[in-house]
Amino acid sequence: MRLPCAHTCATPLTATDLQLMSRFKASLDGSPRPNNRFMKHWIPYSIQDPLVLHVILCSTASFLNETGRVPKVMLLIHRTNAMRMINEHISDPRRCTDDSAMLAVAQSILTSWYWGSTAELRTHMVGFKRMIEMRGGMQSLGMEGYTSKISLM
């Protein structure tokens, strides 16, 4: 049996995230305008940063698997790739608390909240709390405060 390549679904999953999943985050700051922090920071970053993009693909695949539109094997491929990429990224002392790492783990928390186990959720939350401490607290998070807004969710 040949497994489907994770990159095969990248474009449809990204489109699904932008069209469907993003609606729920678009007004985090109470500002549905196109220039809100979500539109200004998250959308461009999530498309351009490979780590964050793969974590979003995993989140979207989780949703689509639950609705029966993506097979379990595809979800597992995306999940494995996302976790491998996060682990590689946070194992590098120079990158372990950069914006990519912070946003990837924050998105992983949301994914775990909806589609993961309690143990997985706790692990991500403990790690994220430690990352915030290492970065110097909430006031030291980047993207004009967007990362701290995500952290408070």
N, C-alpha and C. Protein backbone atom coordinates (compact mmCIF):
# COMPACT_ATOMS: atom_id res chain seq x y z
N MET A 1 0.84 -1.18 0.00
CA MET A 1 0.00 0.00 0.00
C MET A 1 0.88 1.24 0.00
N ARG A 2 0.64 2.14 -0.88
CA ARG A 2 1.40 3.38 -0.98
C ARG A 2 0.65 4.47 -0.23
N LEU A 3 1.35 5.13 0.73
CA LEU A 3 0.72 6.20 1.50
C LEU A 3 0.74 7.49 0.70
N PRO A 4 -0.29 8.30 0.83
CA PRO A 4 -0.31 9.58 0.13
C PRO A 4 0.72 10.53 0.72
N CYS A 5 1.30 11.33 -0.12
CA CYS A 5 2.30 12.31 0.33
C CYS A 5 1.59 13.45 1.06
N ALA A 6 2.17 13.90 2.15
CA ALA A 6 1.57 14.99 2.93
C ALA A 6 1.47 16.26 2.12
N HIS A 7 2.38 16.45 1.18
CA HIS A 7 2.37 17.68 0.39
C HIS A 7 1.25 17.70 -0.64
N THR A 8 0.70 16.55 -0.97
CA THR A 8 -0.37 16.47 -1.95
C THR A 8 -1.58 17.29 -1.51
N CYS A 9 -1.87 17.27 -0.21
CA CYS A 9 -3.05 17.97 0.30
C CYS A 9 -2.73 19.36 0.83
N ALA A 10 -1.50 19.83 0.71
CA ALA A 10 -1.11 21.10 1.32
C ALA A 10 -1.97 22.26 0.83
N THR A 11 -2.16 22.39 -0.47
CA THR A 11 -2.92 23.51 -0.99
C THR A 11 -4.38 23.46 -0.58
N PRO A 12 -5.09 22.34 -0.75
CA PRO A 12 -6.48 22.29 -0.30
C PRO A 12 -6.62 22.50 1.21
N LEU A 13 -5.68 21.97 2.01
CA LEU A 13 -5.76 22.16 3.45
C LEU A 13 -5.53 23.62 3.82
N THR A 14 -4.59 24.26 3.18
CA THR A 14 -4.34 25.68 3.45
C THR A 14 -5.56 26.50 3.07
N ALA A 15 -6.14 26.22 1.92
CA ALA A 15 -7.34 26.93 1.50
C ALA A 15 -8.48 26.72 2.49
N THR A 16 -8.63 25.49 2.98
CA THR A 16 -9.66 25.20 3.97
C THR A 16 -9.42 26.00 5.24
N ASP A 17 -8.16 26.05 5.69
CA ASP A 17 -7.85 26.83 6.89
C ASP A 17 -8.22 28.29 6.69
N LEU A 18 -7.84 28.85 5.58
CA LEU A 18 -8.11 30.27 5.34
C LEU A 18 -9.60 30.55 5.20
N GLN A 19 -10.34 29.64 4.57
CA GLN A 19 -11.76 29.86 4.34
C GLN A 19 -12.64 29.49 5.51
N LEU A 20 -12.29 28.46 6.23
CA LEU A 20 -13.18 27.92 7.25
C LEU A 20 -12.67 28.18 8.66
N MET A 21 -11.51 27.64 8.98
CA MET A 21 -11.00 27.72 10.34
C MET A 21 -10.68 29.15 10.76
N SER A 22 -10.16 29.94 9.85
CA SER A 22 -9.75 31.30 10.18
C SER A 22 -10.90 32.19 10.63
N ARG A 23 -12.10 31.89 10.20
CA ARG A 23 -13.25 32.70 10.62
C ARG A 23 -13.35 32.79 12.13
N PHE A 24 -12.97 31.72 12.81
CA PHE A 24 -13.13 31.66 14.24
C PHE A 24 -12.07 32.47 14.98
N LYS A 25 -11.00 32.82 14.32
CA LYS A 25 -9.93 33.59 14.95
C LYS A 25 -9.90 35.03 14.47
N ALA A 26 -10.57 35.33 13.43
CA ALA A 26 -10.40 36.61 12.75
C ALA A 26 -10.74 37.83 13.60
N SER A 27 -11.51 37.67 14.64
CA SER A 27 -11.84 38.84 15.44
C SER A 27 -11.43 38.66 16.90
N LEU A 28 -10.29 38.03 17.12
CA LEU A 28 -9.79 37.83 18.48
C LEU A 28 -9.70 39.13 19.26
N ASP A 29 -9.30 40.18 18.59
CA ASP A 29 -9.15 41.45 19.28
C ASP A 29 -10.41 42.31 19.18
N GLY A 30 -11.49 41.71 18.74
CA GLY A 30 -12.75 42.43 18.63
C GLY A 30 -12.81 43.33 17.41
N SER A 31 -11.84 43.20 16.52
CA SER A 31 -11.76 44.05 15.35
C SER A 31 -11.84 43.21 14.08
N PRO A 32 -13.03 43.10 13.48
CA PRO A 32 -13.15 42.29 12.27
C PRO A 32 -12.59 42.96 11.01
N ARG A 33 -11.96 44.12 11.17
CA ARG A 33 -11.40 44.84 10.02
C ARG A 33 -10.26 44.03 9.38
N PRO A 34 -10.01 44.25 8.09
CA PRO A 34 -8.93 43.53 7.40
C PRO A 34 -7.54 43.82 7.98
N ASN A 35 -7.38 44.92 8.70
CA ASN A 35 -6.06 45.25 9.23
C ASN A 35 -5.91 44.87 10.70
N ASN A 36 -6.77 43.98 11.21
CA ASN A 36 -6.62 43.56 12.61
C ASN A 36 -5.37 42.71 12.75
N ARG A 37 -4.98 42.41 13.97
CA ARG A 37 -3.74 41.68 14.22
C ARG A 37 -3.73 40.31 13.58
N PHE A 38 -4.89 39.66 13.56
CA PHE A 38 -4.97 38.34 12.94
C PHE A 38 -4.62 38.44 11.46
N MET A 39 -5.24 39.35 10.75
CA MET A 39 -5.00 39.50 9.32
C MET A 39 -3.59 40.04 9.05
N LYS A 40 -3.12 40.91 9.90
CA LYS A 40 -1.82 41.55 9.71
C LYS A 40 -0.67 40.59 10.01
N HIS A 41 -0.83 39.75 11.02
CA HIS A 41 0.27 38.90 11.45
C HIS A 41 0.07 37.42 11.14
N TRP A 42 -1.05 36.85 11.61
CA TRP A 42 -1.22 35.40 11.52
C TRP A 42 -1.31 34.91 10.09
N ILE A 43 -2.14 35.50 9.28
CA ILE A 43 -2.33 35.00 7.92
C ILE A 43 -1.02 35.00 7.14
N PRO A 44 -0.30 36.12 7.05
CA PRO A 44 0.96 36.07 6.30
C PRO A 44 1.98 35.09 6.91
N TYR A 45 2.09 35.11 8.22
CA TYR A 45 3.06 34.25 8.89
C TYR A 45 2.72 32.78 8.69
N SER A 46 1.45 32.46 8.79
CA SER A 46 1.03 31.06 8.70
C SER A 46 1.23 30.48 7.30
N ILE A 47 1.27 31.31 6.32
CA ILE A 47 1.47 30.84 4.95
C ILE A 47 2.95 30.80 4.60
N GLN A 48 3.74 31.71 5.17
CA GLN A 48 5.15 31.83 4.80
C GLN A 48 6.10 31.00 5.67
N ASP A 49 5.74 30.73 6.90
CA ASP A 49 6.63 30.01 7.80
C ASP A 49 6.37 28.51 7.70
N PRO A 50 7.36 27.71 7.31
CA PRO A 50 7.13 26.27 7.12
C PRO A 50 6.64 25.56 8.38
N LEU A 51 7.19 25.90 9.54
CA LEU A 51 6.77 25.23 10.78
C LEU A 51 5.30 25.53 11.08
N VAL A 52 4.95 26.79 11.09
CA VAL A 52 3.57 27.16 11.41
C VAL A 52 2.61 26.61 10.37
N LEU A 53 3.01 26.65 9.11
CA LEU A 53 2.16 26.11 8.05
C LEU A 53 1.87 24.62 8.28
N HIS A 54 2.88 23.85 8.62
CA HIS A 54 2.64 22.41 8.83
C HIS A 54 1.76 22.14 10.05
N VAL A 55 1.90 22.97 11.09
CA VAL A 55 1.03 22.80 12.25
C VAL A 55 -0.42 23.15 11.88
N ILE A 56 -0.60 24.16 11.07
CA ILE A 56 -1.95 24.52 10.60
C ILE A 56 -2.52 23.42 9.71
N LEU A 57 -1.68 22.85 8.86
CA LEU A 57 -2.15 21.74 8.02
C LEU A 57 -2.62 20.59 8.89
N CYS A 58 -1.91 20.34 9.98
CA CYS A 58 -2.30 19.29 10.92
C CYS A 58 -3.65 19.63 11.57
N SER A 59 -3.82 20.88 11.98
CA SER A 59 -5.10 21.29 12.59
C SER A 59 -6.25 21.13 11.61
N THR A 60 -6.02 21.58 10.40
CA THR A 60 -7.07 21.50 9.39
C THR A 60 -7.37 20.04 9.02
N ALA A 61 -6.32 19.24 8.93
CA ALA A 61 -6.53 17.81 8.66
C ALA A 61 -7.31 17.16 9.80
N SER A 62 -7.08 17.59 11.03
CA SER A 62 -7.84 17.06 12.18
C SER A 62 -9.32 17.35 12.01
N PHE A 63 -9.63 18.59 11.66
CA PHE A 63 -11.03 18.98 11.44
C PHE A 63 -11.64 18.19 10.29
N LEU A 64 -10.91 18.12 9.17
CA LEU A 64 -11.44 17.42 8.00
C LEU A 64 -11.56 15.92 8.23
N ASN A 65 -10.69 15.35 9.06
CA ASN A 65 -10.82 13.94 9.40
C ASN A 65 -12.08 13.72 10.23
N GLU A 66 -12.32 14.61 11.15
CA GLU A 66 -13.52 14.48 12.00
C GLU A 66 -14.80 14.56 11.17
N THR A 67 -14.78 15.37 10.11
CA THR A 67 -15.96 15.52 9.27
C THR A 67 -16.00 14.48 8.15
N GLY A 68 -15.01 13.57 8.12
CA GLY A 68 -15.01 12.49 7.15
C GLY A 68 -14.47 12.87 5.78
N ARG A 69 -13.80 14.01 5.67
CA ARG A 69 -13.31 14.45 4.36
C ARG A 69 -11.83 14.19 4.14
N VAL A 70 -11.10 13.76 5.18
CA VAL A 70 -9.69 13.39 5.05
C VAL A 70 -9.52 12.07 5.77
N PRO A 71 -8.89 11.09 5.12
CA PRO A 71 -8.70 9.80 5.78
C PRO A 71 -7.73 9.90 6.96
N LYS A 72 -7.90 8.98 7.90
CA LYS A 72 -7.08 8.95 9.12
C LYS A 72 -5.58 8.90 8.79
N VAL A 73 -5.21 8.16 7.75
CA VAL A 73 -3.80 8.04 7.40
C VAL A 73 -3.22 9.41 7.03
N MET A 74 -3.97 10.24 6.34
CA MET A 74 -3.50 11.58 5.97
C MET A 74 -3.33 12.44 7.22
N LEU A 75 -4.28 12.33 8.14
CA LEU A 75 -4.17 13.06 9.41
C LEU A 75 -2.90 12.64 10.15
N LEU A 76 -2.64 11.35 10.21
CA LEU A 76 -1.46 10.86 10.93
C LEU A 76 -0.16 11.32 10.27
N ILE A 77 -0.15 11.40 8.96
CA ILE A 77 1.03 11.91 8.25
C ILE A 77 1.27 13.37 8.63
N HIS A 78 0.22 14.18 8.58
CA HIS A 78 0.37 15.60 8.94
C HIS A 78 0.77 15.76 10.40
N ARG A 79 0.16 14.99 11.26
CA ARG A 79 0.46 15.07 12.69
C ARG A 79 1.92 14.70 12.96
N THR A 80 2.38 13.63 12.35
CA THR A 80 3.77 13.20 12.52
C THR A 80 4.74 14.26 12.01
N ASN A 81 4.47 14.82 10.84
CA ASN A 81 5.33 15.86 10.29
C ASN A 81 5.35 17.10 11.18
N ALA A 82 4.19 17.52 11.65
CA ALA A 82 4.13 18.72 12.49
C ALA A 82 4.88 18.52 13.80
N MET A 83 4.68 17.40 14.46
CA MET A 83 5.36 17.16 15.73
C MET A 83 6.87 17.01 15.55
N ARG A 84 7.28 16.37 14.46
CA ARG A 84 8.71 16.25 14.17
C ARG A 84 9.32 17.64 13.96
N MET A 85 8.63 18.47 13.20
CA MET A 85 9.15 19.81 12.93
C MET A 85 9.20 20.66 14.20
N ILE A 86 8.18 20.58 15.03
CA ILE A 86 8.19 21.33 16.29
C ILE A 86 9.36 20.87 17.16
N ASN A 87 9.51 19.56 17.30
CA ASN A 87 10.58 19.04 18.15
C ASN A 87 11.96 19.45 17.64
N GLU A 88 12.16 19.42 16.32
CA GLU A 88 13.44 19.87 15.76
C GLU A 88 13.65 21.36 16.04
N HIS A 89 12.62 22.13 15.87
CA HIS A 89 12.71 23.58 16.04
C HIS A 89 13.02 23.95 17.50
N ILE A 90 12.29 23.37 18.44
CA ILE A 90 12.48 23.76 19.83
C ILE A 90 13.73 23.13 20.46
N SER A 91 14.34 22.17 19.77
CA SER A 91 15.59 21.60 20.29
C SER A 91 16.79 22.49 19.98
N ASP A 92 16.61 23.47 19.13
CA ASP A 92 17.67 24.43 18.79
C ASP A 92 17.59 25.62 19.75
N PRO A 93 18.61 25.82 20.59
CA PRO A 93 18.55 26.90 21.59
C PRO A 93 18.35 28.30 20.98
N ARG A 94 18.75 28.49 19.74
CA ARG A 94 18.58 29.81 19.10
C ARG A 94 17.15 30.03 18.61
N ARG A 95 16.41 28.95 18.40
CA ARG A 95 15.06 29.08 17.84
C ARG A 95 13.96 28.62 18.77
N CYS A 96 14.29 28.10 19.93
CA CYS A 96 13.29 27.42 20.77
C CYS A 96 12.18 28.34 21.28
N THR A 97 12.39 29.63 21.28
CA THR A 97 11.32 30.54 21.73
C THR A 97 11.07 31.65 20.71
N ASP A 98 11.45 31.44 19.45
CA ASP A 98 11.18 32.47 18.45
C ASP A 98 9.68 32.47 18.11
N ASP A 99 9.28 33.42 17.30
CA ASP A 99 7.85 33.54 16.96
C ASP A 99 7.30 32.27 16.32
N SER A 100 8.10 31.62 15.47
CA SER A 100 7.63 30.38 14.84
C SER A 100 7.31 29.32 15.88
N ALA A 101 8.23 29.13 16.81
CA ALA A 101 8.02 28.12 17.86
C ALA A 101 6.80 28.47 18.70
N MET A 102 6.70 29.73 19.10
CA MET A 102 5.59 30.15 19.96
C MET A 102 4.24 29.95 19.26
N LEU A 103 4.16 30.38 18.01
CA LEU A 103 2.89 30.26 17.29
C LEU A 103 2.56 28.80 16.96
N ALA A 104 3.58 28.01 16.65
CA ALA A 104 3.35 26.60 16.35
C ALA A 104 2.83 25.86 17.58
N VAL A 105 3.42 26.13 18.74
CA VAL A 105 2.96 25.44 19.95
C VAL A 105 1.58 25.96 20.36
N ALA A 106 1.34 27.26 20.21
CA ALA A 106 0.00 27.79 20.51
C ALA A 106 -1.06 27.14 19.64
N GLN A 107 -0.77 26.97 18.36
CA GLN A 107 -1.72 26.31 17.46
C GLN A 107 -1.87 24.83 17.84
N SER A 108 -0.78 24.21 18.28
CA SER A 108 -0.85 22.81 18.71
C SER A 108 -1.74 22.66 19.94
N ILE A 109 -1.72 23.66 20.81
CA ILE A 109 -2.60 23.63 21.99
C ILE A 109 -4.05 23.65 21.54
N LEU A 110 -4.37 24.52 20.60
CA LEU A 110 -5.75 24.58 20.10
C LEU A 110 -6.16 23.27 19.43
N THR A 111 -5.25 22.69 18.67
CA THR A 111 -5.54 21.42 18.01
C THR A 111 -5.76 20.32 19.04
N SER A 112 -4.90 20.29 20.05
CA SER A 112 -5.04 19.28 21.12
C SER A 112 -6.34 19.49 21.89
N TRP A 113 -6.72 20.73 22.09
CA TRP A 113 -7.95 21.05 22.83
C TRP A 113 -9.16 20.41 22.15
N TYR A 114 -9.21 20.54 20.83
CA TYR A 114 -10.36 20.03 20.09
C TYR A 114 -10.25 18.56 19.71
N TRP A 115 -9.06 18.11 19.28
CA TRP A 115 -8.95 16.79 18.69
C TRP A 115 -7.91 15.89 19.35
N GLY A 116 -7.27 16.32 20.40
CA GLY A 116 -6.22 15.52 21.02
C GLY A 116 -6.62 14.96 22.36
N SER A 117 -5.65 14.38 23.01
CA SER A 117 -5.88 13.81 24.34
C SER A 117 -5.59 14.86 25.41
N THR A 118 -6.08 14.62 26.60
CA THR A 118 -5.82 15.51 27.73
C THR A 118 -4.33 15.55 28.04
N ALA A 119 -3.67 14.40 27.98
CA ALA A 119 -2.23 14.35 28.25
C ALA A 119 -1.45 15.18 27.23
N GLU A 120 -1.83 15.08 25.98
CA GLU A 120 -1.18 15.86 24.92
C GLU A 120 -1.39 17.35 25.16
N LEU A 121 -2.61 17.73 25.50
CA LEU A 121 -2.92 19.13 25.77
C LEU A 121 -2.08 19.67 26.93
N ARG A 122 -2.02 18.90 28.00
CA ARG A 122 -1.22 19.33 29.16
C ARG A 122 0.25 19.48 28.80
N THR A 123 0.77 18.56 28.04
CA THR A 123 2.18 18.62 27.64
C THR A 123 2.46 19.90 26.86
N HIS A 124 1.60 20.20 25.88
CA HIS A 124 1.78 21.43 25.10
C HIS A 124 1.66 22.67 25.99
N MET A 125 0.71 22.66 26.91
CA MET A 125 0.51 23.83 27.76
C MET A 125 1.68 24.05 28.72
N VAL A 126 2.22 22.98 29.31
CA VAL A 126 3.38 23.10 30.19
C VAL A 126 4.57 23.63 29.40
N GLY A 127 4.79 23.07 28.20
CA GLY A 127 5.89 23.53 27.35
C GLY A 127 5.72 24.98 26.95
N PHE A 128 4.50 25.37 26.62
CA PHE A 128 4.25 26.74 26.20
C PHE A 128 4.47 27.72 27.35
N LYS A 129 4.03 27.34 28.52
CA LYS A 129 4.26 28.20 29.69
C LYS A 129 5.76 28.40 29.91
N ARG A 130 6.51 27.33 29.78
CA ARG A 130 7.96 27.42 29.94
C ARG A 130 8.58 28.29 28.86
N MET A 131 8.09 28.18 27.64
CA MET A 131 8.59 29.01 26.54
C MET A 131 8.34 30.49 26.81
N ILE A 132 7.17 30.81 27.35
CA ILE A 132 6.84 32.21 27.68
C ILE A 132 7.80 32.72 28.75
N GLU A 133 8.05 31.89 29.76
CA GLU A 133 8.99 32.28 30.81
C GLU A 133 10.39 32.51 30.24
N MET A 134 10.83 31.62 29.37
CA MET A 134 12.16 31.74 28.76
C MET A 134 12.26 32.99 27.89
N ARG A 135 11.17 33.39 27.32
CA ARG A 135 11.16 34.56 26.45
C ARG A 135 11.11 35.86 27.25
N GLY A 136 10.80 35.76 28.55
CA GLY A 136 10.78 36.95 29.38
C GLY A 136 9.39 37.40 29.80
N GLY A 137 8.41 36.55 29.64
CA GLY A 137 7.04 36.87 30.04
C GLY A 137 6.19 37.33 28.88
N MET A 138 4.91 37.49 29.17
CA MET A 138 3.93 37.86 28.14
C MET A 138 4.28 39.17 27.43
N GLN A 139 4.82 40.12 28.18
CA GLN A 139 5.14 41.42 27.60
C GLN A 139 6.27 41.35 26.58
N SER A 140 7.01 40.25 26.57
CA SER A 140 8.14 40.10 25.66
C SER A 140 7.80 39.34 24.38
N LEU A 141 6.55 38.93 24.24
CA LEU A 141 6.16 38.19 23.04
C LEU A 141 6.01 39.14 21.87
N GLY A 142 6.22 38.63 20.67
CA GLY A 142 6.29 39.47 19.48
C GLY A 142 5.00 39.75 18.76
N MET A 143 5.16 40.25 17.55
CA MET A 143 4.09 40.57 16.62
C MET A 143 3.11 41.60 17.17
N GLU A 144 3.65 42.65 17.73
CA GLU A 144 2.83 43.75 18.25
C GLU A 144 1.75 43.27 19.22
N GLY A 145 2.10 42.30 20.04
CA GLY A 145 1.17 41.79 21.03
C GLY A 145 0.27 40.67 20.55
N TYR A 146 0.33 40.31 19.28
CA TYR A 146 -0.54 39.26 18.77
C TYR A 146 -0.24 37.92 19.45
N THR A 147 1.05 37.62 19.60
CA THR A 147 1.42 36.34 20.21
C THR A 147 0.91 36.25 21.65
N SER A 148 0.95 37.36 22.38
CA SER A 148 0.42 37.33 23.75
C SER A 148 -1.10 37.16 23.75
N LYS A 149 -1.79 37.73 22.77
CA LYS A 149 -3.24 37.53 22.67
C LYS A 149 -3.55 36.06 22.43
N ILE A 150 -2.80 35.42 21.55
CA ILE A 150 -2.98 33.99 21.29
C ILE A 150 -2.71 33.20 22.56
N SER A 151 -1.70 33.62 23.31
CA SER A 151 -1.31 32.91 24.53
C SER A 151 -2.41 32.94 25.60
N LEU A 152 -3.19 33.98 25.61
CA LEU A 152 -4.24 34.13 26.62
C LEU A 152 -5.47 33.29 26.32
N MET A 153 -5.58 32.79 25.12
CA MET A 153 -6.76 32.02 24.75
C MET A 153 -6.87 30.74 25.49
